[in-house]
């Protein structure tokens, strides 16, 4: 019976992975096809003939390179900033004792329950008061603070054995040295996992960049992708649109593959073991 359940579980996982991967692979296949093959009426994963004209069209008929730079800048700086802030806040909640600690952490947890859409209007007016509309500040600063990151890092640091901290202090380390010499290296799986989540979320963000940007000089790839598709009155170049989408997907794939080892270790282990 156990073997049957195991086989059934693997079957469900394979079907789930197949249902998610097939449209993604088909998008890449369409990006190398001509319009004639795309509208031939049959589904084919092998471009015949193979062409890169769609990529040439996407690169020459849009601001994709500028959008790509903006997305990369915003995603990288937001990821680095959120990791640093979440790690410091999480370490403080996990290892220090101070007044109203539990109440403050409860507020962090409550912030995770609030839908992001609720904060858009007040956050927009804050950005307007700072004169940050249509600047990189509006795209980066709000993403530096996240309740999920603080909660995740706090749980990881809380599992750190007290003996490690005591040994470091005996060797002459102060609190800050314990944090960046002992705690941070041990928390690398959690840091990479948080980095992957933050980078992907920021890279794919559409609504907030759309609201706080007015010019193509600041806008990011998701907005550029929507602009590239055009309105319903225009004829959509589906091959070039798939090429544009493929370009948008490549950095996310690379980031996940680079951090996959630590991501899996964090999911499996879930903390520091003595």
C-alpha atoms as a PDB file:
ATOM      1  CA  UNK A   1       0.000   0.000   0.000  1.00  0.00           C
ATOM      2  CA  UNK A   2       2.866   2.383   0.822  1.00  0.00           C
ATOM      3  CA  UNK A   3       4.385   1.781  -2.617  1.00  0.00           C
ATOM      4  CA  UNK A   4       1.025   2.591  -4.204  1.00  0.00           C
ATOM      5  CA  UNK A   5       0.767   5.888  -2.300  1.00  0.00           C
ATOM      6  CA  UNK A   6       4.360   6.719  -3.206  1.00  0.00           C
ATOM      7  CA  UNK A   7       3.747   5.978  -6.893  1.00  0.00           C
ATOM      8  CA  UNK A   8       0.550   8.044  -6.801  1.00  0.00           C
ATOM      9  CA  UNK A   9       2.410  10.953  -5.188  1.00  0.00           C
ATOM     10  CA  UNK A  10       5.152  10.880  -7.827  1.00  0.00           C
ATOM     11  CA  UNK A  11       2.533  10.687 -10.582  1.00  0.00           C
ATOM     12  CA  UNK A  12       0.754  13.786  -9.263  1.00  0.00           C
ATOM     13  CA  UNK A  13       4.073  15.659  -8.981  1.00  0.00           C
ATOM     14  CA  UNK A  14       5.061  14.706 -12.535  1.00  0.00           C
ATOM     15  CA  UNK A  15       1.684  15.786 -13.916  1.00  0.00           C
ATOM     16  CA  UNK A  16       1.889  19.066 -12.009  1.00  0.00           C
ATOM     17  CA  UNK A  17       5.414  19.766 -13.277  1.00  0.00           C
ATOM     18  CA  UNK A  18       4.353  18.828 -16.820  1.00  0.00           C
ATOM     19  CA  UNK A  19       1.336  21.169 -16.752  1.00  0.00           C
ATOM     20  CA  UNK A  20       3.561  24.097 -15.679  1.00  0.00           C
ATOM     21  CA  UNK A  21       6.543  23.392 -17.923  1.00  0.00           C
ATOM     22  CA  UNK A  22       4.740  22.708 -21.219  1.00  0.00           C
ATOM     23  CA  UNK A  23       3.364  26.273 -21.716  1.00  0.00           C
ATOM     24  CA  UNK A  24       6.753  27.679 -20.705  1.00  0.00           C
ATOM     25  CA  UNK A  25       8.654  25.476 -23.177  1.00  0.00           C
ATOM     26  CA  UNK A  26       6.087  26.209 -25.879  1.00  0.00           C
ATOM     27  CA  UNK A  27       6.648  29.949 -25.381  1.00  0.00           C
ATOM     28  CA  UNK A  28      10.353  29.500 -26.115  1.00  0.00           C
ATOM     29  CA  UNK A  29       9.515  27.350 -29.158  1.00  0.00           C
ATOM     30  CA  UNK A  30       7.128  30.000 -30.532  1.00  0.00           C
ATOM     31  CA  UNK A  31       9.793  32.670 -30.134  1.00  0.00           C
ATOM     32  CA  UNK A  32      11.870  30.917 -32.819  1.00  0.00           C
ATOM     33  CA  UNK A  33       8.980  30.355 -35.262  1.00  0.00           C
ATOM     34  CA  UNK A  34       7.745  32.406 -38.191  1.00  0.00           C
ATOM     35  CA  UNK A  35       4.195  33.796 -38.246  1.00  0.00           C
ATOM     36  CA  UNK A  36       3.228  31.192 -40.827  1.00  0.00           C
ATOM     37  CA  UNK A  37       4.191  28.336 -38.512  1.00  0.00           C
ATOM     38  CA  UNK A  38       2.640  29.960 -35.434  1.00  0.00           C
ATOM     39  CA  UNK A  39      -0.738  30.263 -37.163  1.00  0.00           C
ATOM     40  CA  UNK A  40      -0.538  26.923 -38.972  1.00  0.00           C
ATOM     41  CA  UNK A  41      -3.144  25.483 -36.631  1.00  0.00           C
ATOM     42  CA  UNK A  42      -1.148  22.604 -35.184  1.00  0.00           C
ATOM     43  CA  UNK A  43       0.955  22.572 -32.006  1.00  0.00           C
ATOM     44  CA  UNK A  44       4.648  22.025 -32.672  1.00  0.00           C
ATOM     45  CA  UNK A  45       7.597  22.344 -30.305  1.00  0.00           C
ATOM     46  CA  UNK A  46      10.166  22.223 -33.124  1.00  0.00           C
ATOM     47  CA  UNK A  47      10.552  25.479 -35.117  1.00  0.00           C
ATOM     48  CA  UNK A  48      10.692  24.766 -38.832  1.00  0.00           C
ATOM     49  CA  UNK A  49      12.268  26.912 -40.117  1.00  0.00           C
ATOM     50  CA  UNK A  50      14.291  28.100 -37.125  1.00  0.00           C
ATOM     51  CA  UNK A  51      14.508  31.909 -37.010  1.00  0.00           C
ATOM     52  CA  UNK A  52      15.787  34.613 -34.653  1.00  0.00           C
ATOM     53  CA  UNK A  53      13.856  37.393 -36.407  1.00  0.00           C
ATOM     54  CA  UNK A  54      11.448  37.641 -33.474  1.00  0.00           C
ATOM     55  CA  UNK A  55      14.309  38.471 -31.115  1.00  0.00           C
ATOM     56  CA  UNK A  56      15.726  40.989 -33.580  1.00  0.00           C
ATOM     57  CA  UNK A  57      12.316  42.634 -33.852  1.00  0.00           C
ATOM     58  CA  UNK A  58      11.866  42.734 -30.050  1.00  0.00           C
ATOM     59  CA  UNK A  59      15.312  44.262 -29.553  1.00  0.00           C
ATOM     60  CA  UNK A  60      15.015  46.883 -32.289  1.00  0.00           C
ATOM     61  CA  UNK A  61      11.357  47.909 -31.942  1.00  0.00           C
ATOM     62  CA  UNK A  62      11.158  48.492 -28.206  1.00  0.00           C
ATOM     63  CA  UNK A  63      13.089  49.919 -25.269  1.00  0.00           C
ATOM     64  CA  UNK A  64      13.700  46.414 -23.951  1.00  0.00           C
ATOM     65  CA  UNK A  65      17.386  47.025 -23.152  1.00  0.00           C
ATOM     66  CA  UNK A  66      16.546  50.090 -21.044  1.00  0.00           C
ATOM     67  CA  UNK A  67      13.677  48.268 -19.367  1.00  0.00           C
ATOM     68  CA  UNK A  68      15.972  45.300 -18.732  1.00  0.00           C
ATOM     69  CA  UNK A  69      18.557  47.551 -17.078  1.00  0.00           C
ATOM     70  CA  UNK A  70      15.886  49.188 -14.918  1.00  0.00           C
ATOM     71  CA  UNK A  71      14.445  45.844 -13.817  1.00  0.00           C
ATOM     72  CA  UNK A  72      17.881  44.451 -13.023  1.00  0.00           C
ATOM     73  CA  UNK A  73      18.902  47.551 -11.056  1.00  0.00           C
ATOM     74  CA  UNK A  74      15.678  47.646  -9.055  1.00  0.00           C
ATOM     75  CA  UNK A  75      15.589  43.881  -8.405  1.00  0.00           C
ATOM     76  CA  UNK A  76      19.246  43.617  -7.348  1.00  0.00           C
ATOM     77  CA  UNK A  77      19.223  46.656  -5.034  1.00  0.00           C
ATOM     78  CA  UNK A  78      15.871  45.675  -3.520  1.00  0.00           C
ATOM     79  CA  UNK A  79      17.078  42.114  -2.918  1.00  0.00           C
ATOM     80  CA  UNK A  80      20.336  43.220  -1.283  1.00  0.00           C
ATOM     81  CA  UNK A  81      18.573  45.821   0.856  1.00  0.00           C
ATOM     82  CA  UNK A  82      15.815  43.495   2.025  1.00  0.00           C
ATOM     83  CA  UNK A  83      18.311  40.742   2.895  1.00  0.00           C
ATOM     84  CA  UNK A  84      20.388  43.132   5.025  1.00  0.00           C
ATOM     85  CA  UNK A  85      17.397  44.697   6.795  1.00  0.00           C
ATOM     86  CA  UNK A  86      15.582  41.390   7.317  1.00  0.00           C
ATOM     87  CA  UNK A  87      18.737  39.681   8.601  1.00  0.00           C
ATOM     88  CA  UNK A  88      19.454  42.437  11.136  1.00  0.00           C
ATOM     89  CA  UNK A  89      15.836  42.689  12.291  1.00  0.00           C
ATOM     90  CA  UNK A  90      15.431  38.907  12.423  1.00  0.00           C
ATOM     91  CA  UNK A  91      18.627  38.515  14.433  1.00  0.00           C
ATOM     92  CA  UNK A  92      17.477  41.185  16.862  1.00  0.00           C
ATOM     93  CA  UNK A  93      14.111  39.502  17.409  1.00  0.00           C
ATOM     94  CA  UNK A  94      15.742  36.079  17.791  1.00  0.00           C
ATOM     95  CA  UNK A  95      18.764  36.789  19.994  1.00  0.00           C
ATOM     96  CA  UNK A  96      18.076  40.003  21.941  1.00  0.00           C
ATOM     97  CA  UNK A  97      15.716  40.761  24.790  1.00  0.00           C
ATOM     98  CA  UNK A  98      14.095  44.201  24.835  1.00  0.00           C
ATOM     99  CA  UNK A  99      10.873  45.893  25.881  1.00  0.00           C
ATOM    100  CA  UNK A 100       7.790  45.267  23.738  1.00  0.00           C
ATOM    101  CA  UNK A 101       9.684  42.676  21.711  1.00  0.00           C
ATOM    102  CA  UNK A 102       6.697  40.332  21.364  1.00  0.00           C
ATOM    103  CA  UNK A 103       4.338  43.190  20.507  1.00  0.00           C
ATOM    104  CA  UNK A 104       6.648  44.487  17.777  1.00  0.00           C
ATOM    105  CA  UNK A 105       7.047  41.013  16.320  1.00  0.00           C
ATOM    106  CA  UNK A 106       3.277  40.592  16.388  1.00  0.00           C
ATOM    107  CA  UNK A 107       2.976  43.789  14.335  1.00  0.00           C
ATOM    108  CA  UNK A 108       5.452  42.312  11.847  1.00  0.00           C
ATOM    109  CA  UNK A 109       3.269  39.207  11.553  1.00  0.00           C
ATOM    110  CA  UNK A 110       0.131  41.322  11.147  1.00  0.00           C
ATOM    111  CA  UNK A 111       1.798  43.255   8.311  1.00  0.00           C
ATOM    112  CA  UNK A 112       2.109  39.950   6.437  1.00  0.00           C
ATOM    113  CA  UNK A 113      -1.677  39.495   6.554  1.00  0.00           C
ATOM    114  CA  UNK A 114      -2.464  42.842   4.911  1.00  0.00           C
ATOM    115  CA  UNK A 115      -2.958  42.603   1.116  1.00  0.00           C
ATOM    116  CA  UNK A 116      -0.380  44.731  -0.741  1.00  0.00           C
ATOM    117  CA  UNK A 117      -3.165  46.430  -2.695  1.00  0.00           C
ATOM    118  CA  UNK A 118      -4.433  48.053   0.524  1.00  0.00           C
ATOM    119  CA  UNK A 119      -1.165  49.964   0.929  1.00  0.00           C
ATOM    120  CA  UNK A 120      -0.923  51.269  -2.622  1.00  0.00           C
ATOM    121  CA  UNK A 121      -2.843  54.542  -2.141  1.00  0.00           C
ATOM    122  CA  UNK A 122      -1.170  55.700   1.119  1.00  0.00           C
ATOM    123  CA  UNK A 123       2.213  54.552  -0.155  1.00  0.00           C
ATOM    124  CA  UNK A 124       1.714  56.503  -3.368  1.00  0.00           C
ATOM    125  CA  UNK A 125       0.975  59.701  -1.408  1.00  0.00           C
ATOM    126  CA  UNK A 126       4.097  59.130   0.704  1.00  0.00           C
ATOM    127  CA  UNK A 127       6.188  58.811  -2.458  1.00  0.00           C
ATOM    128  CA  UNK A 128       4.541  61.972  -3.783  1.00  0.00           C
ATOM    129  CA  UNK A 129       5.386  63.908  -0.607  1.00  0.00           C
ATOM    130  CA  UNK A 130       9.030  62.865  -1.009  1.00  0.00           C
ATOM    131  CA  UNK A 131       8.964  63.865  -4.708  1.00  0.00           C
ATOM    132  CA  UNK A 132       9.972  60.312  -5.597  1.00  0.00           C
ATOM    133  CA  UNK A 133       7.348  59.708  -8.300  1.00  0.00           C
ATOM    134  CA  UNK A 134       9.016  58.550 -11.518  1.00  0.00           C
ATOM    135  CA  UNK A 135      12.332  57.890  -9.760  1.00  0.00           C
ATOM    136  CA  UNK A 136      14.245  54.769  -8.793  1.00  0.00           C
ATOM    137  CA  UNK A 137      13.621  55.587  -5.128  1.00  0.00           C
ATOM    138  CA  UNK A 138       9.899  54.853  -5.492  1.00  0.00           C
ATOM    139  CA  UNK A 139      10.674  51.508  -7.108  1.00  0.00           C
ATOM    140  CA  UNK A 140      13.330  50.405  -4.623  1.00  0.00           C
ATOM    141  CA  UNK A 141      12.688  51.849  -1.144  1.00  0.00           C
ATOM    142  CA  UNK A 142       9.194  50.355  -0.472  1.00  0.00           C
ATOM    143  CA  UNK A 143      10.530  46.901  -1.329  1.00  0.00           C
ATOM    144  CA  UNK A 144      13.353  47.050   1.209  1.00  0.00           C
ATOM    145  CA  UNK A 145      11.044  46.231   4.106  1.00  0.00           C
ATOM    146  CA  UNK A 146       9.103  42.979   4.256  1.00  0.00           C
ATOM    147  CA  UNK A 147       7.460  41.152   7.151  1.00  0.00           C
ATOM    148  CA  UNK A 148       8.038  37.761   5.522  1.00  0.00           C
ATOM    149  CA  UNK A 149      11.796  38.311   5.359  1.00  0.00           C
ATOM    150  CA  UNK A 150      11.997  39.382   9.010  1.00  0.00           C
ATOM    151  CA  UNK A 151       9.895  36.390  10.087  1.00  0.00           C
ATOM    152  CA  UNK A 152      11.957  33.961   8.000  1.00  0.00           C
ATOM    153  CA  UNK A 153      15.321  35.200   9.259  1.00  0.00           C
ATOM    154  CA  UNK A 154      14.064  35.366  12.850  1.00  0.00           C
ATOM    155  CA  UNK A 155      13.018  31.710  12.731  1.00  0.00           C
ATOM    156  CA  UNK A 156      16.407  30.699  11.327  1.00  0.00           C
ATOM    157  CA  UNK A 157      18.455  32.664  13.853  1.00  0.00           C
ATOM    158  CA  UNK A 158      16.266  31.410  16.686  1.00  0.00           C
ATOM    159  CA  UNK A 159      17.395  27.874  15.879  1.00  0.00           C
ATOM    160  CA  UNK A 160      21.072  28.853  16.214  1.00  0.00           C
ATOM    161  CA  UNK A 161      22.566  27.045  19.245  1.00  0.00           C
ATOM    162  CA  UNK A 162      23.462  29.306  22.164  1.00  0.00           C
ATOM    163  CA  UNK A 163      26.840  27.558  22.453  1.00  0.00           C
ATOM    164  CA  UNK A 164      27.996  29.115  19.179  1.00  0.00           C
ATOM    165  CA  UNK A 165      27.213  32.607  20.395  1.00  0.00           C
ATOM    166  CA  UNK A 166      28.816  31.975  23.798  1.00  0.00           C
ATOM    167  CA  UNK A 167      31.974  30.536  22.224  1.00  0.00           C
ATOM    168  CA  UNK A 168      32.323  33.532  19.910  1.00  0.00           C
ATOM    169  CA  UNK A 169      31.979  35.967  22.830  1.00  0.00           C
ATOM    170  CA  UNK A 170      34.578  34.038  24.827  1.00  0.00           C
ATOM    171  CA  UNK A 171      36.934  34.452  21.847  1.00  0.00           C
ATOM    172  CA  UNK A 172      36.458  38.212  22.083  1.00  0.00           C
ATOM    173  CA  UNK A 173      33.697  38.874  19.557  1.00  0.00           C
ATOM    174  CA  UNK A 174      31.176  41.608  20.232  1.00  0.00           C
ATOM    175  CA  UNK A 175      27.503  41.373  19.259  1.00  0.00           C
ATOM    176  CA  UNK A 176      28.037  42.747  15.774  1.00  0.00           C
ATOM    177  CA  UNK A 177      30.954  40.398  15.105  1.00  0.00           C
ATOM    178  CA  UNK A 178      28.855  37.444  16.257  1.00  0.00           C
ATOM    179  CA  UNK A 179      26.198  38.552  13.772  1.00  0.00           C
ATOM    180  CA  UNK A 180      28.322  38.922  10.654  1.00  0.00           C
ATOM    181  CA  UNK A 181      31.047  36.357  11.416  1.00  0.00           C
ATOM    182  CA  UNK A 182      28.951  33.546  12.894  1.00  0.00           C
ATOM    183  CA  UNK A 183      25.222  34.045  12.297  1.00  0.00           C
ATOM    184  CA  UNK A 184      25.237  35.291   8.693  1.00  0.00           C
ATOM    185  CA  UNK A 185      27.469  32.511   7.258  1.00  0.00           C
ATOM    186  CA  UNK A 186      25.349  29.886   9.017  1.00  0.00           C
ATOM    187  CA  UNK A 187      22.178  31.485   7.645  1.00  0.00           C
ATOM    188  CA  UNK A 188      23.353  31.350   4.020  1.00  0.00           C
ATOM    189  CA  UNK A 189      20.595  28.911   2.903  1.00  0.00           C
ATOM    190  CA  UNK A 190      17.911  31.184   4.387  1.00  0.00           C
ATOM    191  CA  UNK A 191      19.559  34.271   2.897  1.00  0.00           C
ATOM    192  CA  UNK A 192      19.682  32.719  -0.582  1.00  0.00           C
ATOM    193  CA  UNK A 193      16.069  31.553  -0.282  1.00  0.00           C
ATOM    194  CA  UNK A 194      14.923  35.027   0.758  1.00  0.00           C
ATOM    195  CA  UNK A 195      17.015  36.503  -2.055  1.00  0.00           C
ATOM    196  CA  UNK A 196      15.360  34.257  -4.638  1.00  0.00           C
ATOM    197  CA  UNK A 197      11.859  35.122  -3.415  1.00  0.00           C
ATOM    198  CA  UNK A 198      12.611  38.856  -3.278  1.00  0.00           C
ATOM    199  CA  UNK A 199      14.321  38.989  -6.668  1.00  0.00           C
ATOM    200  CA  UNK A 200      11.537  37.096  -8.451  1.00  0.00           C
ATOM    201  CA  UNK A 201       8.786  39.129  -6.762  1.00  0.00           C
ATOM    202  CA  UNK A 202      10.484  42.431  -7.604  1.00  0.00           C
ATOM    203  CA  UNK A 203      11.367  41.365 -11.150  1.00  0.00           C
ATOM    204  CA  UNK A 204       7.770  40.349 -11.894  1.00  0.00           C
ATOM    205  CA  UNK A 205       6.150  43.341 -10.166  1.00  0.00           C
ATOM    206  CA  UNK A 206       3.753  45.162 -12.477  1.00  0.00           C
ATOM    207  CA  UNK A 207       1.172  47.192 -10.565  1.00  0.00           C
ATOM    208  CA  UNK A 208       3.477  49.282  -8.351  1.00  0.00           C
ATOM    209  CA  UNK A 209       5.949  50.270 -11.132  1.00  0.00           C
ATOM    210  CA  UNK A 210       3.001  51.108 -13.358  1.00  0.00           C
ATOM    211  CA  UNK A 211       1.609  53.503 -10.731  1.00  0.00           C
ATOM    212  CA  UNK A 212       4.798  55.336  -9.733  1.00  0.00           C
ATOM    213  CA  UNK A 213       6.477  55.669 -13.146  1.00  0.00           C
ATOM    214  CA  UNK A 214       5.529  58.010 -15.962  1.00  0.00           C
ATOM    215  CA  UNK A 215       8.434  57.754 -18.407  1.00  0.00           C
ATOM    216  CA  UNK A 216      10.128  54.900 -20.242  1.00  0.00           C
ATOM    217  CA  UNK A 217      13.434  55.984 -18.710  1.00  0.00           C
ATOM    218  CA  UNK A 218      12.349  54.504 -15.359  1.00  0.00           C
ATOM    219  CA  UNK A 219       9.889  51.779 -16.310  1.00  0.00           C
ATOM    220  CA  UNK A 220      10.623  48.073 -15.929  1.00  0.00           C
ATOM    221  CA  UNK A 221      10.239  45.001 -18.137  1.00  0.00           C
ATOM    222  CA  UNK A 222       6.689  43.929 -17.131  1.00  0.00           C
ATOM    223  CA  UNK A 223       5.376  47.370 -18.133  1.00  0.00           C
ATOM    224  CA  UNK A 224       7.430  47.249 -21.320  1.00  0.00           C
ATOM    225  CA  UNK A 225       5.928  43.855 -22.109  1.00  0.00           C
ATOM    226  CA  UNK A 226       2.397  45.245 -21.745  1.00  0.00           C
ATOM    227  CA  UNK A 227       3.290  48.215 -23.952  1.00  0.00           C
ATOM    228  CA  UNK A 228       4.907  45.953 -26.530  1.00  0.00           C
ATOM    229  CA  UNK A 229       1.731  43.912 -26.905  1.00  0.00           C
ATOM    230  CA  UNK A 230      -0.195  47.066 -27.786  1.00  0.00           C
ATOM    231  CA  UNK A 231      -3.921  47.704 -27.645  1.00  0.00           C
ATOM    232  CA  UNK A 232      -6.720  45.559 -29.042  1.00  0.00           C
ATOM    233  CA  UNK A 233      -6.826  47.831 -32.126  1.00  0.00           C
ATOM    234  CA  UNK A 234      -3.307  46.856 -33.122  1.00  0.00           C
ATOM    235  CA  UNK A 235      -2.084  43.637 -34.664  1.00  0.00           C
ATOM    236  CA  UNK A 236       0.043  41.724 -32.155  1.00  0.00           C
ATOM    237  CA  UNK A 237       3.303  40.195 -33.320  1.00  0.00           C
ATOM    238  CA  UNK A 238       2.978  36.997 -31.307  1.00  0.00           C
ATOM    239  CA  UNK A 239       6.387  35.614 -32.207  1.00  0.00           C
ATOM    240  CA  UNK A 240       8.138  38.805 -31.086  1.00  0.00           C
ATOM    241  CA  UNK A 241       5.931  38.927 -27.986  1.00  0.00           C
ATOM    242  CA  UNK A 242       7.059  35.396 -27.065  1.00  0.00           C
ATOM    243  CA  UNK A 243      10.669  36.437 -27.679  1.00  0.00           C
ATOM    244  CA  UNK A 244      10.175  39.441 -25.382  1.00  0.00           C
ATOM    245  CA  UNK A 245       8.656  37.162 -22.734  1.00  0.00           C
ATOM    246  CA  UNK A 246      11.537  34.712 -23.067  1.00  0.00           C
ATOM    247  CA  UNK A 247      14.054  37.512 -22.492  1.00  0.00           C
ATOM    248  CA  UNK A 248      12.110  38.554 -19.388  1.00  0.00           C
ATOM    249  CA  UNK A 249      12.234  34.982 -18.050  1.00  0.00           C
ATOM    250  CA  UNK A 250      15.953  34.282 -18.475  1.00  0.00           C
ATOM    251  CA  UNK A 251      17.282  36.204 -15.405  1.00  0.00           C
ATOM    252  CA  UNK A 252      14.706  34.543 -13.121  1.00  0.00           C
ATOM    253  CA  UNK A 253      15.722  31.102 -14.365  1.00  0.00           C
ATOM    254  CA  UNK A 254      19.413  31.867 -13.868  1.00  0.00           C
ATOM    255  CA  UNK A 255      18.865  33.194 -10.328  1.00  0.00           C
ATOM    256  CA  UNK A 256      16.906  30.088  -9.348  1.00  0.00           C
ATOM    257  CA  UNK A 257      19.449  27.686 -10.831  1.00  0.00           C
ATOM    258  CA  UNK A 258      22.321  29.454  -9.068  1.00  0.00           C
ATOM    259  CA  UNK A 259      20.556  29.333  -5.705  1.00  0.00           C
ATOM    260  CA  UNK A 260      18.782  25.999  -6.113  1.00  0.00           C
ATOM    261  CA  UNK A 261      21.203  24.093  -3.859  1.00  0.00           C
ATOM    262  CA  UNK A 262      20.774  26.464  -0.914  1.00  0.00           C
ATOM    263  CA  UNK A 263      17.047  26.823  -1.562  1.00  0.00           C
ATOM    264  CA  UNK A 264      16.504  23.059  -1.342  1.00  0.00           C
ATOM    265  CA  UNK A 265      18.732  22.761   1.730  1.00  0.00           C
ATOM    266  CA  UNK A 266      16.736  25.482   3.479  1.00  0.00           C
ATOM    267  CA  UNK A 267      13.434  23.766   2.704  1.00  0.00           C
ATOM    268  CA  UNK A 268      14.712  20.357   3.841  1.00  0.00           C
ATOM    269  CA  UNK A 269      16.660  21.389   6.942  1.00  0.00           C
ATOM    270  CA  UNK A 270      14.673  24.405   8.092  1.00  0.00           C
ATOM    271  CA  UNK A 271      17.218  25.592  10.628  1.00  0.00           C
ATOM    272  CA  UNK A 272      20.687  25.242  12.140  1.00  0.00           C
ATOM    273  CA  UNK A 273      21.506  21.870  13.606  1.00  0.00           C
ATOM    274  CA  UNK A 274      23.816  21.340  16.548  1.00  0.00           C
END
